[in-house]
């Protein structure tokens, strides 16, 4: 269930997040889900981390596109948390409160996987930092596109854009990220949908739609698409 501050009204929308290693195909699946929701008249917002807000766009440049080596691991974790605090407060929560669905490319679990796993920071500390930054806002559904590191690397090499600072990290880094994502999914199976990202995009999209239909079936009866009071699925 999306959680809120004690004095705030409960969000009415549904919060869906796509997670996974670099090259997993998250952007493709976000676009396909958006198309499907739009065809059904579901009001929704697409966003990403980092960069879902004006401040986030500036932080994204600092985090992913610097040429001097970038921030040290602890500074990196703090910058991601700053982006996430702004994102949750100014975009995600207002959209949910207005009854819209929010579909995000990355959220808290990316910090736990990348900074906690890839950077070898304390995972619990990274999780607590993001929980504090978002005032404990948890997605209703997290779709993990589980891609083998070698496949992700091949896809990135085939892409037109150059690799960013995270994408260009070592194989060991990406393996630790992938392992941490799997551990997170195993610890919260009710919230996660884990998919083999080597499957065809259409098959992956169909699996996401099936899970979304199940999620909608758990919502309170009698409410139109995109205007739910809250999700019945707990993290």
C-alpha atoms as a PDB file:
ATOM      1  CA  UNK A   1       0.000   0.000   0.000  1.00  0.00           C
ATOM      2  CA  UNK A   2       1.286   3.457  -0.751  1.00  0.00           C
ATOM      3  CA  UNK A   3       2.013   5.012   2.644  1.00  0.00           C
ATOM      4  CA  UNK A   4       1.491   8.647   3.557  1.00  0.00           C
ATOM      5  CA  UNK A   5       2.292  11.037   6.385  1.00  0.00           C
ATOM      6  CA  UNK A   6      -0.087  10.644   9.302  1.00  0.00           C
ATOM      7  CA  UNK A   7      -1.779  14.008   8.658  1.00  0.00           C
ATOM      8  CA  UNK A   8      -2.151  13.647   4.882  1.00  0.00           C
ATOM      9  CA  UNK A   9      -5.108  12.073   3.036  1.00  0.00           C
ATOM     10  CA  UNK A  10      -4.384   8.666   1.568  1.00  0.00           C
ATOM     11  CA  UNK A  11      -3.303   8.743  -2.089  1.00  0.00           C
ATOM     12  CA  UNK A  12      -6.053   7.663  -4.448  1.00  0.00           C
ATOM     13  CA  UNK A  13      -3.910   6.754  -7.435  1.00  0.00           C
ATOM     14  CA  UNK A  14      -1.734   3.714  -8.076  1.00  0.00           C
ATOM     15  CA  UNK A  15       2.059   3.822  -8.099  1.00  0.00           C
ATOM     16  CA  UNK A  16       3.857   1.442 -10.497  1.00  0.00           C
ATOM     17  CA  UNK A  17       7.657   1.317 -10.769  1.00  0.00           C
ATOM     18  CA  UNK A  18       9.917  -0.432 -13.272  1.00  0.00           C
ATOM     19  CA  UNK A  19      13.310  -1.534 -11.957  1.00  0.00           C
ATOM     20  CA  UNK A  20      16.233  -3.493 -13.351  1.00  0.00           C
ATOM     21  CA  UNK A  21      19.812  -3.295 -14.484  1.00  0.00           C
ATOM     22  CA  UNK A  22      21.023  -1.113 -17.324  1.00  0.00           C
ATOM     23  CA  UNK A  23      19.838  -2.453 -20.660  1.00  0.00           C
ATOM     24  CA  UNK A  24      16.844  -4.271 -19.152  1.00  0.00           C
ATOM     25  CA  UNK A  25      14.289  -2.517 -21.389  1.00  0.00           C
ATOM     26  CA  UNK A  26      12.527  -0.425 -18.763  1.00  0.00           C
ATOM     27  CA  UNK A  27      11.874   2.528 -21.069  1.00  0.00           C
ATOM     28  CA  UNK A  28      10.193   0.258 -23.613  1.00  0.00           C
ATOM     29  CA  UNK A  29       7.920  -1.303 -21.011  1.00  0.00           C
ATOM     30  CA  UNK A  30       7.046   2.078 -19.474  1.00  0.00           C
ATOM     31  CA  UNK A  31       5.959   3.291 -22.920  1.00  0.00           C
ATOM     32  CA  UNK A  32       3.923   0.138 -23.608  1.00  0.00           C
ATOM     33  CA  UNK A  33       2.166   0.354 -20.254  1.00  0.00           C
ATOM     34  CA  UNK A  34       1.411   4.025 -20.857  1.00  0.00           C
ATOM     35  CA  UNK A  35      -0.161   3.190 -24.199  1.00  0.00           C
ATOM     36  CA  UNK A  36      -2.289   0.451 -22.641  1.00  0.00           C
ATOM     37  CA  UNK A  37      -3.448   2.649 -19.756  1.00  0.00           C
ATOM     38  CA  UNK A  38      -4.255   5.471 -22.153  1.00  0.00           C
ATOM     39  CA  UNK A  39      -6.368   3.186 -24.326  1.00  0.00           C
ATOM     40  CA  UNK A  40      -8.421   2.380 -21.227  1.00  0.00           C
ATOM     41  CA  UNK A  41      -8.877   5.972 -20.190  1.00  0.00           C
ATOM     42  CA  UNK A  42      -6.671   5.678 -17.114  1.00  0.00           C
ATOM     43  CA  UNK A  43      -5.225   9.056 -16.162  1.00  0.00           C
ATOM     44  CA  UNK A  44      -1.541   8.579 -15.540  1.00  0.00           C
ATOM     45  CA  UNK A  45       1.823  10.310 -15.283  1.00  0.00           C
ATOM     46  CA  UNK A  46       5.116   8.987 -16.633  1.00  0.00           C
ATOM     47  CA  UNK A  47       8.287   9.897 -14.781  1.00  0.00           C
ATOM     48  CA  UNK A  48      11.802   8.712 -14.008  1.00  0.00           C
ATOM     49  CA  UNK A  49      14.604   8.848 -11.466  1.00  0.00           C
ATOM     50  CA  UNK A  50      16.792  10.722 -11.463  1.00  0.00           C
ATOM     51  CA  UNK A  51      15.308  13.569 -13.469  1.00  0.00           C
ATOM     52  CA  UNK A  52      11.555  13.562 -12.958  1.00  0.00           C
ATOM     53  CA  UNK A  53      11.553  17.201 -11.837  1.00  0.00           C
ATOM     54  CA  UNK A  54      13.409  20.387 -12.812  1.00  0.00           C
ATOM     55  CA  UNK A  55      15.761  19.926  -9.872  1.00  0.00           C
ATOM     56  CA  UNK A  56      16.065  16.244 -10.697  1.00  0.00           C
ATOM     57  CA  UNK A  57      17.165  17.052 -14.241  1.00  0.00           C
ATOM     58  CA  UNK A  58      20.082  19.062 -12.870  1.00  0.00           C
ATOM     59  CA  UNK A  59      20.948  16.321 -10.384  1.00  0.00           C
ATOM     60  CA  UNK A  60      20.815  13.745 -13.181  1.00  0.00           C
ATOM     61  CA  UNK A  61      23.578  15.606 -14.998  1.00  0.00           C
ATOM     62  CA  UNK A  62      25.706  15.610 -11.838  1.00  0.00           C
ATOM     63  CA  UNK A  63      25.107  11.924 -11.214  1.00  0.00           C
ATOM     64  CA  UNK A  64      25.302  10.416 -14.684  1.00  0.00           C
ATOM     65  CA  UNK A  65      27.065  12.750 -17.077  1.00  0.00           C
ATOM     66  CA  UNK A  66      30.088  14.247 -15.307  1.00  0.00           C
ATOM     67  CA  UNK A  67      33.587  13.817 -16.707  1.00  0.00           C
ATOM     68  CA  UNK A  68      35.685  14.184 -13.568  1.00  0.00           C
ATOM     69  CA  UNK A  69      34.845  10.860 -11.934  1.00  0.00           C
ATOM     70  CA  UNK A  70      31.673  12.025 -10.252  1.00  0.00           C
ATOM     71  CA  UNK A  71      30.653  12.013  -6.593  1.00  0.00           C
ATOM     72  CA  UNK A  72      32.042   9.560  -4.063  1.00  0.00           C
ATOM     73  CA  UNK A  73      29.627   6.749  -3.080  1.00  0.00           C
ATOM     74  CA  UNK A  74      28.152   8.473  -0.010  1.00  0.00           C
ATOM     75  CA  UNK A  75      27.689  11.747  -1.887  1.00  0.00           C
ATOM     76  CA  UNK A  76      26.133   9.788  -4.737  1.00  0.00           C
ATOM     77  CA  UNK A  77      23.621   8.177  -2.370  1.00  0.00           C
ATOM     78  CA  UNK A  78      22.737  11.569  -0.899  1.00  0.00           C
ATOM     79  CA  UNK A  79      22.238  13.146  -4.334  1.00  0.00           C
ATOM     80  CA  UNK A  80      19.932  10.320  -5.406  1.00  0.00           C
ATOM     81  CA  UNK A  81      18.006  10.762  -2.149  1.00  0.00           C
ATOM     82  CA  UNK A  82      17.704  14.510  -2.786  1.00  0.00           C
ATOM     83  CA  UNK A  83      16.321  13.845  -6.253  1.00  0.00           C
ATOM     84  CA  UNK A  84      13.888  11.321  -4.798  1.00  0.00           C
ATOM     85  CA  UNK A  85      12.691  13.651  -2.036  1.00  0.00           C
ATOM     86  CA  UNK A  86      11.866  16.353  -4.600  1.00  0.00           C
ATOM     87  CA  UNK A  87      10.303  13.810  -6.927  1.00  0.00           C
ATOM     88  CA  UNK A  88       8.040  12.259  -4.298  1.00  0.00           C
ATOM     89  CA  UNK A  89       6.939  15.563  -2.786  1.00  0.00           C
ATOM     90  CA  UNK A  90       6.317  17.601  -5.926  1.00  0.00           C
ATOM     91  CA  UNK A  91       5.298  15.045  -8.559  1.00  0.00           C
ATOM     92  CA  UNK A  92       4.428  11.576  -7.283  1.00  0.00           C
ATOM     93  CA  UNK A  93       2.332  12.391  -4.217  1.00  0.00           C
ATOM     94  CA  UNK A  94       0.333  15.197  -5.897  1.00  0.00           C
ATOM     95  CA  UNK A  95      -0.461  12.963  -8.869  1.00  0.00           C
ATOM     96  CA  UNK A  96      -1.576  10.097  -6.625  1.00  0.00           C
ATOM     97  CA  UNK A  97      -3.674  12.463  -4.525  1.00  0.00           C
ATOM     98  CA  UNK A  98      -5.367  13.687  -7.716  1.00  0.00           C
ATOM     99  CA  UNK A  99      -6.341  10.118  -8.587  1.00  0.00           C
ATOM    100  CA  UNK A 100      -3.778   9.586 -11.323  1.00  0.00           C
ATOM    101  CA  UNK A 101      -1.637   6.505 -11.755  1.00  0.00           C
ATOM    102  CA  UNK A 102       2.110   7.159 -11.625  1.00  0.00           C
ATOM    103  CA  UNK A 103       4.472   5.006 -13.700  1.00  0.00           C
ATOM    104  CA  UNK A 104       8.142   5.563 -12.868  1.00  0.00           C
ATOM    105  CA  UNK A 105      11.348   4.357 -14.471  1.00  0.00           C
ATOM    106  CA  UNK A 106      13.306   3.592 -11.245  1.00  0.00           C
ATOM    107  CA  UNK A 107      12.663   4.474  -7.616  1.00  0.00           C
ATOM    108  CA  UNK A 108      13.974   3.520  -4.155  1.00  0.00           C
ATOM    109  CA  UNK A 109      15.077  -0.017  -5.006  1.00  0.00           C
ATOM    110  CA  UNK A 110      17.538   1.332  -7.578  1.00  0.00           C
ATOM    111  CA  UNK A 111      19.412   3.142  -4.820  1.00  0.00           C
ATOM    112  CA  UNK A 112      19.438   0.028  -2.666  1.00  0.00           C
ATOM    113  CA  UNK A 113      20.739  -2.036  -5.602  1.00  0.00           C
ATOM    114  CA  UNK A 114      23.205   0.448  -7.095  1.00  0.00           C
ATOM    115  CA  UNK A 115      24.562   2.246  -4.043  1.00  0.00           C
ATOM    116  CA  UNK A 116      23.951  -0.570  -1.560  1.00  0.00           C
ATOM    117  CA  UNK A 117      24.968  -3.388  -3.886  1.00  0.00           C
ATOM    118  CA  UNK A 118      27.180  -1.855  -6.542  1.00  0.00           C
ATOM    119  CA  UNK A 119      28.915   0.679  -4.291  1.00  0.00           C
ATOM    120  CA  UNK A 120      29.093  -1.625  -1.247  1.00  0.00           C
ATOM    121  CA  UNK A 121      27.384   0.876   1.044  1.00  0.00           C
ATOM    122  CA  UNK A 122      25.304  -0.408   3.951  1.00  0.00           C
ATOM    123  CA  UNK A 123      22.048  -1.525   2.359  1.00  0.00           C
ATOM    124  CA  UNK A 124      19.916  -0.777   5.408  1.00  0.00           C
ATOM    125  CA  UNK A 125      21.331   2.736   5.655  1.00  0.00           C
ATOM    126  CA  UNK A 126      20.621   3.418   1.975  1.00  0.00           C
ATOM    127  CA  UNK A 127      17.075   2.086   2.397  1.00  0.00           C
ATOM    128  CA  UNK A 128      16.477   4.232   5.484  1.00  0.00           C
ATOM    129  CA  UNK A 129      17.788   7.315   3.669  1.00  0.00           C
ATOM    130  CA  UNK A 130      15.343   6.849   0.795  1.00  0.00           C
ATOM    131  CA  UNK A 131      12.480   6.026   3.154  1.00  0.00           C
ATOM    132  CA  UNK A 132      13.147   9.281   5.002  1.00  0.00           C
ATOM    133  CA  UNK A 133      13.456  11.228   1.729  1.00  0.00           C
ATOM    134  CA  UNK A 134      10.075   9.990   0.472  1.00  0.00           C
ATOM    135  CA  UNK A 135       8.310   9.930   3.853  1.00  0.00           C
ATOM    136  CA  UNK A 136       7.973   6.166   3.324  1.00  0.00           C
ATOM    137  CA  UNK A 137       6.083   6.280   0.037  1.00  0.00           C
ATOM    138  CA  UNK A 138       6.121   2.700  -1.312  1.00  0.00           C
ATOM    139  CA  UNK A 139       4.993   1.583  -4.795  1.00  0.00           C
ATOM    140  CA  UNK A 140       1.884  -0.547  -5.192  1.00  0.00           C
ATOM    141  CA  UNK A 141       3.712  -2.643  -7.788  1.00  0.00           C
ATOM    142  CA  UNK A 142       7.383  -2.951  -8.706  1.00  0.00           C
ATOM    143  CA  UNK A 143       8.179  -4.693 -11.996  1.00  0.00           C
ATOM    144  CA  UNK A 144      11.720  -6.073 -11.996  1.00  0.00           C
ATOM    145  CA  UNK A 145      13.091  -6.702 -15.476  1.00  0.00           C
ATOM    146  CA  UNK A 146      15.810  -9.190 -14.629  1.00  0.00           C
ATOM    147  CA  UNK A 147      18.451  -9.002 -17.356  1.00  0.00           C
ATOM    148  CA  UNK A 148      21.718 -10.978 -17.449  1.00  0.00           C
ATOM    149  CA  UNK A 149      24.638  -8.592 -17.165  1.00  0.00           C
ATOM    150  CA  UNK A 150      26.129  -9.711 -20.487  1.00  0.00           C
ATOM    151  CA  UNK A 151      22.826  -9.155 -22.291  1.00  0.00           C
ATOM    152  CA  UNK A 152      22.427  -5.708 -20.786  1.00  0.00           C
ATOM    153  CA  UNK A 153      25.955  -4.792 -21.853  1.00  0.00           C
ATOM    154  CA  UNK A 154      25.329  -5.986 -25.414  1.00  0.00           C
ATOM    155  CA  UNK A 155      22.141  -3.951 -25.632  1.00  0.00           C
ATOM    156  CA  UNK A 156      23.924  -0.841 -24.406  1.00  0.00           C
ATOM    157  CA  UNK A 157      26.685  -1.302 -26.964  1.00  0.00           C
ATOM    158  CA  UNK A 158      24.048  -1.591 -29.672  1.00  0.00           C
ATOM    159  CA  UNK A 159      22.344   1.626 -28.626  1.00  0.00           C
ATOM    160  CA  UNK A 160      23.113   4.914 -30.345  1.00  0.00           C
ATOM    161  CA  UNK A 161      23.732   6.838 -27.115  1.00  0.00           C
ATOM    162  CA  UNK A 162      27.064   6.583 -25.270  1.00  0.00           C
ATOM    163  CA  UNK A 163      27.055   4.877 -21.888  1.00  0.00           C
ATOM    164  CA  UNK A 164      26.548   7.090 -18.846  1.00  0.00           C
ATOM    165  CA  UNK A 165      28.618   6.917 -15.652  1.00  0.00           C
ATOM    166  CA  UNK A 166      26.589   4.066 -14.154  1.00  0.00           C
ATOM    167  CA  UNK A 167      26.288   2.068 -17.357  1.00  0.00           C
ATOM    168  CA  UNK A 168      30.064   2.141 -17.880  1.00  0.00           C
ATOM    169  CA  UNK A 169      30.807   0.550 -14.498  1.00  0.00           C
ATOM    170  CA  UNK A 170      32.539  -2.845 -14.242  1.00  0.00           C
ATOM    171  CA  UNK A 171      30.959  -6.239 -14.791  1.00  0.00           C
ATOM    172  CA  UNK A 172      31.362  -6.936 -11.074  1.00  0.00           C
ATOM    173  CA  UNK A 173      29.422  -3.757 -10.260  1.00  0.00           C
ATOM    174  CA  UNK A 174      26.519  -4.735 -12.515  1.00  0.00           C
ATOM    175  CA  UNK A 175      26.491  -8.308 -11.204  1.00  0.00           C
ATOM    176  CA  UNK A 176      26.205  -7.025  -7.628  1.00  0.00           C
ATOM    177  CA  UNK A 177      23.386  -4.694  -8.688  1.00  0.00           C
ATOM    178  CA  UNK A 178      21.493  -7.557 -10.334  1.00  0.00           C
ATOM    179  CA  UNK A 179      21.944  -9.787  -7.296  1.00  0.00           C
ATOM    180  CA  UNK A 180      20.645  -7.095  -4.941  1.00  0.00           C
ATOM    181  CA  UNK A 181      17.566  -6.507  -7.104  1.00  0.00           C
ATOM    182  CA  UNK A 182      16.770 -10.225  -6.932  1.00  0.00           C
ATOM    183  CA  UNK A 183      17.188 -10.209  -3.164  1.00  0.00           C
ATOM    184  CA  UNK A 184      14.784  -7.287  -2.843  1.00  0.00           C
ATOM    185  CA  UNK A 185      12.202  -9.080  -4.958  1.00  0.00           C
ATOM    186  CA  UNK A 186      12.531 -12.269  -2.924  1.00  0.00           C
ATOM    187  CA  UNK A 187      11.963 -10.290   0.273  1.00  0.00           C
ATOM    188  CA  UNK A 188       8.752  -8.638  -0.982  1.00  0.00           C
ATOM    189  CA  UNK A 189       7.017 -11.034  -3.409  1.00  0.00           C
ATOM    190  CA  UNK A 190       3.598  -9.398  -2.931  1.00  0.00           C
ATOM    191  CA  UNK A 191       4.886  -6.109  -4.324  1.00  0.00           C
ATOM    192  CA  UNK A 192       7.157  -7.443  -7.053  1.00  0.00           C
ATOM    193  CA  UNK A 193       6.600  -8.894 -10.489  1.00  0.00           C
ATOM    194  CA  UNK A 194       9.889 -10.430 -11.671  1.00  0.00           C
ATOM    195  CA  UNK A 195      10.238 -10.981 -15.406  1.00  0.00           C
ATOM    196  CA  UNK A 196      12.976 -12.449 -17.574  1.00  0.00           C
ATOM    197  CA  UNK A 197      14.029  -9.389 -19.555  1.00  0.00           C
ATOM    198  CA  UNK A 198      15.404 -11.524 -22.403  1.00  0.00           C
ATOM    199  CA  UNK A 199      11.822 -12.308 -23.466  1.00  0.00           C
ATOM    200  CA  UNK A 200      10.171 -10.419 -26.316  1.00  0.00           C
ATOM    201  CA  UNK A 201       8.891  -6.953 -25.346  1.00  0.00           C
ATOM    202  CA  UNK A 202       5.318  -7.899 -26.289  1.00  0.00           C
ATOM    203  CA  UNK A 203       5.388 -10.932 -23.980  1.00  0.00           C
ATOM    204  CA  UNK A 204       6.780  -8.860 -21.131  1.00  0.00           C
ATOM    205  CA  UNK A 205       4.133  -6.205 -21.693  1.00  0.00           C
ATOM    206  CA  UNK A 206       1.395  -8.841 -21.607  1.00  0.00           C
ATOM    207  CA  UNK A 207       2.694 -10.147 -18.267  1.00  0.00           C
ATOM    208  CA  UNK A 208       2.704  -6.619 -16.854  1.00  0.00           C
ATOM    209  CA  UNK A 209      -0.862  -6.056 -18.054  1.00  0.00           C
ATOM    210  CA  UNK A 210      -1.985  -9.300 -16.415  1.00  0.00           C
ATOM    211  CA  UNK A 211      -0.477  -8.216 -13.106  1.00  0.00           C
ATOM    212  CA  UNK A 212      -2.023  -4.746 -13.459  1.00  0.00           C
ATOM    213  CA  UNK A 213      -5.424  -6.347 -14.035  1.00  0.00           C
ATOM    214  CA  UNK A 214      -4.928  -8.396 -10.866  1.00  0.00           C
ATOM    215  CA  UNK A 215      -3.905  -5.256  -9.010  1.00  0.00           C
ATOM    216  CA  UNK A 216      -6.989  -3.409 -10.211  1.00  0.00           C
ATOM    217  CA  UNK A 217      -9.078  -6.347  -9.078  1.00  0.00           C
ATOM    218  CA  UNK A 218      -7.751  -5.795  -5.558  1.00  0.00           C
ATOM    219  CA  UNK A 219      -8.867  -2.167  -5.546  1.00  0.00           C
ATOM    220  CA  UNK A 220     -12.130  -0.998  -3.942  1.00  0.00           C
ATOM    221  CA  UNK A 221     -15.206  -1.772  -6.050  1.00  0.00           C
ATOM    222  CA  UNK A 222     -17.129   0.880  -7.879  1.00  0.00           C
ATOM    223  CA  UNK A 223     -14.255   3.263  -8.598  1.00  0.00           C
ATOM    224  CA  UNK A 224     -13.391   4.181 -12.189  1.00  0.00           C
ATOM    225  CA  UNK A 225      -9.963   3.521 -13.679  1.00  0.00           C
ATOM    226  CA  UNK A 226      -7.315   5.892 -12.386  1.00  0.00           C
ATOM    227  CA  UNK A 227      -9.447   7.160  -9.476  1.00  0.00           C
ATOM    228  CA  UNK A 228      -8.859   4.592  -6.770  1.00  0.00           C
ATOM    229  CA  UNK A 229      -8.776   5.459  -3.114  1.00  0.00           C
ATOM    230  CA  UNK A 230      -5.863   3.163  -2.402  1.00  0.00           C
ATOM    231  CA  UNK A 231      -4.321  -0.106  -3.414  1.00  0.00           C
ATOM    232  CA  UNK A 232      -5.060  -3.324  -1.581  1.00  0.00           C
ATOM    233  CA  UNK A 233      -1.602  -4.686  -2.390  1.00  0.00           C
ATOM    234  CA  UNK A 234       0.926  -4.251   0.388  1.00  0.00           C
ATOM    235  CA  UNK A 235       4.667  -3.812  -0.122  1.00  0.00           C
END
